[in-house]
PDB file of N, CA and C in Angstrom:
ATOM      1  N   MET A   1      13.380 -23.290 -30.845  1.00  0.00           N
ATOM      2  CA  MET A   1      12.664 -22.450 -30.169  1.00  0.00           C
ATOM      3  C   MET A   1      11.189 -22.902 -29.209  1.00  0.00           C
ATOM      4  N   ILE A   2      10.935 -23.749 -29.110  1.00  0.00           N
ATOM      5  CA  ILE A   2      10.021 -23.976 -28.193  1.00  0.00           C
ATOM      6  C   ILE A   2      10.529 -24.461 -26.791  1.00  0.00           C
ATOM      7  N   ILE A   3      11.591 -24.328 -26.317  1.00  0.00           N
ATOM      8  CA  ILE A   3      12.984 -25.091 -25.773  1.00  0.00           C
ATOM      9  C   ILE A   3      13.052 -22.975 -25.258  1.00  0.00           C
ATOM     10  N   MET A   4      13.378 -22.369 -26.292  1.00  0.00           N
ATOM     11  CA  MET A   4      13.518 -20.780 -25.499  1.00  0.00           C
ATOM     12  C   MET A   4      11.995 -20.517 -25.267  1.00  0.00           C
ATOM     13  N   ASN A   5      11.631 -20.881 -25.335  1.00  0.00           N
ATOM     14  CA  ASN A   5      10.088 -20.065 -24.911  1.00  0.00           C
ATOM     15  C   ASN A   5       9.439 -20.058 -23.798  1.00  0.00           C
ATOM     16  N   ILE A   6       9.967 -21.553 -23.686  1.00  0.00           N
ATOM     17  CA  ILE A   6      10.107 -22.471 -22.353  1.00  0.00           C
ATOM     18  C   ILE A   6      10.539 -21.412 -20.989  1.00  0.00           C
ATOM     19  N   ALA A   7      12.206 -21.652 -21.383  1.00  0.00           N
ATOM     20  CA  ALA A   7      13.081 -21.236 -20.980  1.00  0.00           C
ATOM     21  C   ALA A   7      11.928 -19.580 -20.565  1.00  0.00           C
ATOM     22  N   LEU A   8      12.303 -19.058 -21.537  1.00  0.00           N
ATOM     23  CA  LEU A   8      11.594 -17.472 -20.561  1.00  0.00           C
ATOM     24  C   LEU A   8      10.302 -17.539 -20.486  1.00  0.00           C
ATOM     25  N   LEU A   9       9.220 -17.894 -20.872  1.00  0.00           N
ATOM     26  CA  LEU A   9       8.546 -18.652 -19.876  1.00  0.00           C
ATOM     27  C   LEU A   9       8.788 -19.088 -18.117  1.00  0.00           C
ATOM     28  N   PHE A  10       9.637 -19.543 -17.911  1.00  0.00           N
ATOM     29  CA  PHE A  10       9.593 -20.140 -16.311  1.00  0.00           C
ATOM     30  C   PHE A  10      10.421 -18.215 -15.818  1.00  0.00           C
ATOM     31  N   ASN A  11      11.167 -17.992 -16.881  1.00  0.00           N
ATOM     32  CA  ASN A  11      12.066 -16.467 -16.337  1.00  0.00           C
ATOM     33  C   ASN A  11      11.336 -16.369 -15.710  1.00  0.00           C
ATOM     34  N   PHE A  12       9.969 -15.600 -16.457  1.00  0.00           N
ATOM     35  CA  PHE A  12       9.419 -14.826 -16.257  1.00  0.00           C
ATOM     36  C   PHE A  12       7.981 -15.041 -14.715  1.00  0.00           C
ATOM     37  N   ILE A  13       7.856 -15.995 -15.131  1.00  0.00           N
ATOM     38  CA  ILE A  13       7.143 -16.867 -13.678  1.00  0.00           C
ATOM     39  C   ILE A  13       8.121 -16.113 -12.181  1.00  0.00           C
ATOM     40  N   LYS A  14      10.028 -17.279 -12.582  1.00  0.00           N
ATOM     41  CA  LYS A  14      10.232 -17.079 -11.158  1.00  0.00           C
ATOM     42  C   LYS A  14      10.188 -15.190 -10.549  1.00  0.00           C
ATOM     43  N   ASP A  15       9.977 -14.228 -11.839  1.00  0.00           N
ATOM     44  CA  ASP A  15      10.539 -13.233 -11.851  1.00  0.00           C
ATOM     45  C   ASP A  15       9.268 -12.621 -10.965  1.00  0.00           C
ATOM     46  N   ALA A  16       8.006 -13.162 -11.457  1.00  0.00           N
ATOM     47  CA  ALA A  16       6.634 -12.737 -11.100  1.00  0.00           C
ATOM     48  C   ALA A  16       6.311 -13.249  -9.892  1.00  0.00           C
ATOM     49  N   GLY A  17       7.334 -14.547  -9.426  1.00  0.00           N
ATOM     50  CA  GLY A  17       6.887 -14.938  -8.172  1.00  0.00           C
ATOM     51  C   GLY A  17       7.961 -13.757  -6.617  1.00  0.00           C
ATOM     52  N   LYS A  18       8.682 -13.445  -7.656  1.00  0.00           N
ATOM     53  CA  LYS A  18       9.533 -12.700  -6.584  1.00  0.00           C
ATOM     54  C   LYS A  18       8.814 -11.592  -6.464  1.00  0.00           C
ATOM     55  N   GLU A  19       8.270 -10.710  -7.630  1.00  0.00           N
ATOM     56  CA  GLU A  19       6.997  -9.284  -7.320  1.00  0.00           C
ATOM     57  C   GLU A  19       6.500  -9.594  -6.724  1.00  0.00           C
ATOM     58  N   MET A  20       5.784 -10.907  -6.525  1.00  0.00           N
ATOM     59  CA  MET A  20       4.354 -11.103  -5.775  1.00  0.00           C
ATOM     60  C   MET A  20       5.209 -10.966  -4.247  1.00  0.00           C
ATOM     61  N   GLU A  21       6.231 -11.514  -4.186  1.00  0.00           N
ATOM     62  CA  GLU A  21       6.680 -11.576  -2.332  1.00  0.00           C
ATOM     63  C   GLU A  21       7.046 -10.181  -2.069  1.00  0.00           C
ATOM     64  N   SER A  22       7.358  -9.936  -2.868  1.00  0.00           N
ATOM     65  CA  SER A  22       7.611  -8.294  -2.598  1.00  0.00           C
ATOM     66  C   SER A  22       6.714  -7.260  -2.310  1.00  0.00           C
ATOM     67  N   LEU A  23       5.506  -7.536  -3.356  1.00  0.00           N
ATOM     68  CA  LEU A  23       3.941  -6.733  -3.042  1.00  0.00           C
ATOM     69  C   LEU A  23       3.407  -7.509  -2.076  1.00  0.00           C
ATOM     70  N   ASP A  24       3.249  -9.098  -1.632  1.00  0.00           N
ATOM     71  CA  ASP A  24       3.377  -9.303  -0.201  1.00  0.00           C
ATOM     72  C   ASP A  24       3.924  -8.329   0.759  1.00  0.00           C
ATOM     73  N   GLU A  25       5.236  -8.256   0.831  1.00  0.00           N
ATOM     74  CA  GLU A  25       5.833  -7.397   2.304  1.00  0.00           C
ATOM     75  C   GLU A  25       5.002  -6.157   1.851  1.00  0.00           C
ATOM     76  N   GLY A  26       5.163  -5.799   0.972  1.00  0.00           N
ATOM     77  CA  GLY A  26       4.358  -4.167   1.269  1.00  0.00           C
ATOM     78  C   GLY A  26       3.337  -4.171   1.672  1.00  0.00           C
ATOM     79  N   LEU A  27       2.175  -5.092   1.764  1.00  0.00           N
ATOM     80  CA  LEU A  27       0.664  -4.887   2.198  1.00  0.00           C
ATOM     81  C   LEU A  27       0.712  -5.203   3.227  1.00  0.00           C
ATOM     82  N   GLN A  28       1.375  -6.218   3.538  1.00  0.00           N
ATOM     83  CA  GLN A  28       1.620  -6.430   4.930  1.00  0.00           C
ATOM     84  C   GLN A  28       1.929  -5.123   5.775  1.00  0.00           C
ATOM     85  N   LYS A  29       3.210  -4.565   4.919  1.00  0.00           N
ATOM     86  CA  LYS A  29       3.383  -3.702   6.045  1.00  0.00           C
ATOM     87  C   LYS A  29       2.810  -2.005   6.425  1.00  0.00           C
ATOM     88  N   ILE A  30       1.660  -1.755   4.965  1.00  0.00           N
ATOM     89  CA  ILE A  30       0.485  -1.331   5.465  1.00  0.00           C
ATOM     90  C   ILE A  30      -0.467  -1.796   6.082  1.00  0.00           C
ATOM     91  N   SER A  31      -0.065  -2.997   5.965  1.00  0.00           N
ATOM     92  CA  SER A  31      -1.393  -3.281   7.468  1.00  0.00           C
ATOM     93  C   SER A  31      -0.912  -3.211   8.520  1.00  0.00           C
ATOM     94  N   GLU A  32      -0.027  -2.922   8.710  1.00  0.00           N
ATOM     95  CA  GLU A  32       1.023  -2.644  10.528  1.00  0.00           C
ATOM     96  C   GLU A  32       0.577  -1.191  10.492  1.00  0.00           C
ATOM     97  N   LEU A  33       0.874  -0.466   9.486  1.00  0.00           N
ATOM     98  CA  LEU A  33       1.192   0.893   9.738  1.00  0.00           C
ATOM     99  C   LEU A  33      -0.137   1.434   9.868  1.00  0.00           C
ATOM    100  N   THR A  34      -1.332   1.281   8.779  1.00  0.00           N
ATOM    101  CA  THR A  34      -2.816   1.465   9.817  1.00  0.00           C
ATOM    102  C   THR A  34      -2.795   1.240  10.333  1.00  0.00           C
ATOM    103  N   LYS A  35      -2.841  -0.147  10.957  1.00  0.00           N
ATOM    104  CA  LYS A  35      -3.104  -0.545  12.726  1.00  0.00           C
ATOM    105  C   LYS A  35      -2.228   0.573  13.640  1.00  0.00           C
ATOM    106  N   GLN A  36      -1.225   0.684  13.655  1.00  0.00           N
ATOM    107  CA  GLN A  36      -0.658   1.718  14.392  1.00  0.00           C
ATOM    108  C   GLN A  36      -1.191   3.375  14.070  1.00  0.00           C
ATOM    109  N   LEU A  37      -1.863   3.633  12.966  1.00  0.00           N
ATOM    110  CA  LEU A  37      -2.614   4.818  12.926  1.00  0.00           C
ATOM    111  C   LEU A  37      -4.029   4.781  13.116  1.00  0.00           C
ATOM    112  N   VAL A  38      -4.883   3.209  13.611  1.00  0.00           N
ATOM    113  CA  VAL A  38      -5.435   3.489  14.178  1.00  0.00           C
ATOM    114  C   VAL A  38      -5.474   3.807  15.587  1.00  0.00           C
ATOM    115  N   ASN A  39      -4.431   2.902  15.512  1.00  0.00           N
ATOM    116  CA  ASN A  39      -4.339   3.186  17.343  1.00  0.00           C
ATOM    117  C   ASN A  39      -4.357   4.948  18.048  1.00  0.00           C
ATOM    118  N   TYR A  40      -3.494   5.266  16.739  1.00  0.00           N
ATOM    119  CA  TYR A  40      -2.837   6.851  17.663  1.00  0.00           C
ATOM    120  C   TYR A  40      -4.238   7.874  17.572  1.00  0.00           C
ATOM    121  N   PHE A  41      -5.028   7.273  16.684  1.00  0.00           N
ATOM    122  CA  PHE A  41      -6.229   8.172  16.509  1.00  0.00           C
ATOM    123  C   PHE A  41      -7.313   7.460  17.537  1.00  0.00           C
ATOM    124  N   CYS A  42      -7.442   6.491  17.527  1.00  0.00           N
ATOM    125  CA  CYS A  42      -8.492   5.963  19.257  1.00  0.00           C
ATOM    126  C   CYS A  42      -9.537   5.700  18.139  1.00  0.00           C
ATOM    127  N   GLU A  43      -9.135   5.183  17.197  1.00  0.00           N
ATOM    128  CA  GLU A  43     -10.568   4.361  15.921  1.00  0.00           C
ATOM    129  C   GLU A  43     -10.636   3.280  16.365  1.00  0.00           C
ATOM    130  N   ASN A  44     -11.819   2.506  15.667  1.00  0.00           N
ATOM    131  CA  ASN A  44     -12.766   1.505  15.467  1.00  0.00           C
ATOM    132  C   ASN A  44     -11.612   0.557  14.424  1.00  0.00           C
ATOM    133  N   GLU A  45     -11.177  -0.677  14.939  1.00  0.00           N
ATOM    134  CA  GLU A  45      -9.564  -0.785  13.677  1.00  0.00           C
ATOM    135  C   GLU A  45     -11.188  -1.338  12.458  1.00  0.00           C
ATOM    136  N   LYS A  46     -12.181  -1.606  12.848  1.00  0.00           N
ATOM    137  CA  LYS A  46     -13.124  -1.838  11.800  1.00  0.00           C
ATOM    138  C   LYS A  46     -14.119  -1.499  10.634  1.00  0.00           C
ATOM    139  N   SER A  47     -14.421   0.162  11.628  1.00  0.00           N
ATOM    140  CA  SER A  47     -14.923   0.210  10.745  1.00  0.00           C
ATOM    141  C   SER A  47     -13.875   2.085  10.011  1.00  0.00           C
ATOM    142  N   PHE A  48     -12.162   1.851  10.870  1.00  0.00           N
ATOM    143  CA  PHE A  48     -11.532   2.716   9.564  1.00  0.00           C
ATOM    144  C   PHE A  48     -10.765   2.642   8.223  1.00  0.00           C
ATOM    145  N   LYS A  49     -10.750   3.532   7.960  1.00  0.00           N
ATOM    146  CA  LYS A  49     -10.967   3.864   6.214  1.00  0.00           C
ATOM    147  C   LYS A  49      -9.488   4.252   6.192  1.00  0.00           C
ATOM    148  N   ILE A  50      -8.628   4.081   5.807  1.00  0.00           N
ATOM    149  CA  ILE A  50      -7.046   4.224   5.509  1.00  0.00           C
ATOM    150  C   ILE A  50      -7.651   6.188   4.251  1.00  0.00           C
ATOM    151  N   GLU A  51      -8.047   5.520   3.437  1.00  0.00           N
ATOM    152  CA  GLU A  51      -8.726   6.352   2.881  1.00  0.00           C
ATOM    153  C   GLU A  51      -9.501   7.198   2.612  1.00  0.00           C
ATOM    154  N   GLU A  52      -9.984   7.290   3.073  1.00  0.00           N
ATOM    155  CA  GLU A  52     -10.792   8.409   3.977  1.00  0.00           C
ATOM    156  C   GLU A  52      -9.972   9.352   4.434  1.00  0.00           C
ATOM    157  N   CYS A  53      -8.598   9.004   6.054  1.00  0.00           N
ATOM    158  CA  CYS A  53      -8.235   9.246   6.354  1.00  0.00           C
ATOM    159  C   CYS A  53      -7.284  10.304   5.656  1.00  0.00           C
ATOM    160  N   ILE A  54      -6.946   9.508   4.577  1.00  0.00           N
ATOM    161  CA  ILE A  54      -5.840  10.381   4.019  1.00  0.00           C
ATOM    162  C   ILE A  54      -6.360  11.200   3.586  1.00  0.00           C
ATOM    163  N   SER A  55      -7.656  10.847   2.630  1.00  0.00           N
ATOM    164  CA  SER A  55      -8.457  12.661   2.032  1.00  0.00           C
ATOM    165  C   SER A  55      -8.460  13.037   3.189  1.00  0.00           C
ATOM    166  N   ASN A  56      -8.641  13.277   4.141  1.00  0.00           N
ATOM    167  CA  ASN A  56      -9.849  14.182   5.217  1.00  0.00           C
ATOM    168  C   ASN A  56      -7.621  14.468   5.151  1.00  0.00           C
ATOM    169  N   LEU A  57      -7.235  14.334   5.666  1.00  0.00           N
ATOM    170  CA  LEU A  57      -5.347  14.914   5.742  1.00  0.00           C
ATOM    171  C   LEU A  57      -5.234  15.729   4.546  1.00  0.00           C
ATOM    172  N   ASN A  58      -5.783  15.014   3.543  1.00  0.00           N
ATOM    173  CA  ASN A  58      -4.962  16.104   2.776  1.00  0.00           C
ATOM    174  C   ASN A  58      -5.795  17.424   2.626  1.00  0.00           C
ATOM    175  N   THR A  59      -6.739  17.033   3.387  1.00  0.00           N
ATOM    176  CA  THR A  59      -7.752  18.351   3.125  1.00  0.00           C
ATOM    177  C   THR A  59      -7.445  19.196   3.822  1.00  0.00           C
ATOM    178  N   PHE A  60      -7.039  19.475   4.947  1.00  0.00           N
ATOM    179  CA  PHE A  60      -6.583  20.106   5.865  1.00  0.00           C
ATOM    180  C   PHE A  60      -5.503  20.728   5.630  1.00  0.00           C
ATOM    181  N   CYS A  61      -4.427  19.991   5.078  1.00  0.00           N
ATOM    182  CA  CYS A  61      -3.061  20.500   4.954  1.00  0.00           C
ATOM    183  C   CYS A  61      -3.732  21.657   3.385  1.00  0.00           C
ATOM    184  N   ASP A  62      -4.329  21.126   2.558  1.00  0.00           N
ATOM    185  CA  ASP A  62      -4.405  21.958   2.158  1.00  0.00           C
ATOM    186  C   ASP A  62      -5.479  23.611   2.402  1.00  0.00           C
ATOM    187  N   ARG A  63      -5.842  22.663   3.120  1.00  0.00           N
ATOM    188  CA  ARG A  63      -6.894  24.641   3.877  1.00  0.00           C
ATOM    189  C   ARG A  63      -5.795  24.767   5.055  1.00  0.00           C
ATOM    190  N   VAL A  64      -5.190  24.431   5.029  1.00  0.00           N
ATOM    191  CA  VAL A  64      -3.368  25.355   6.118  1.00  0.00           C
ATOM    192  C   VAL A  64      -2.666  25.540   5.007  1.00  0.00           C
ATOM    193  N   LYS A  65      -2.535  25.241   4.269  1.00  0.00           N
ATOM    194  CA  LYS A  65      -1.934  26.299   3.313  1.00  0.00           C
ATOM    195  C   LYS A  65      -2.618  27.531   2.664  1.00  0.00           C
ATOM    196  N   GLN A  66      -3.716  27.582   2.555  1.00  0.00           N
ATOM    197  CA  GLN A  66      -4.642  28.304   2.303  1.00  0.00           C
ATOM    198  C   GLN A  66      -4.125  29.409   3.602  1.00  0.00           C
ATOM    199  N   CYS A  67      -4.866  29.203   4.611  1.00  0.00           N
ATOM    200  CA  CYS A  67      -4.656  30.378   5.210  1.00  0.00           C
ATOM    201  C   CYS A  67      -2.836  30.476   5.082  1.00  0.00           C
ATOM    202  N   GLN A  68      -2.420  30.314   4.703  1.00  0.00           N
ATOM    203  CA  GLN A  68      -1.032  30.471   5.248  1.00  0.00           C
ATOM    204  C   GLN A  68      -0.849  32.081   4.584  1.00  0.00           C
ATOM    205  N   LYS A  69      -1.681  32.075   3.718  1.00  0.00           N
ATOM    206  CA  LYS A  69      -1.225  32.437   2.212  1.00  0.00           C
ATOM    207  C   LYS A  69      -1.863  34.294   1.906  1.00  0.00           C
TER     208      LYS A  69
END
């Protein structure tokens, strides 16, 4: 029983490590894309907030859709 639990725990830790690596790669990609967006919009990298940018773009798209109706 104890050996089975240890094996399950080992597999969990191994799988979690793979998932963490995948998440880290995703976060690095987001960081790279954010830098590209900052450069595209000629923004200051230190003060740029991706959440604010996405919110503003969403608001803009919603208003364009309203105008098209």
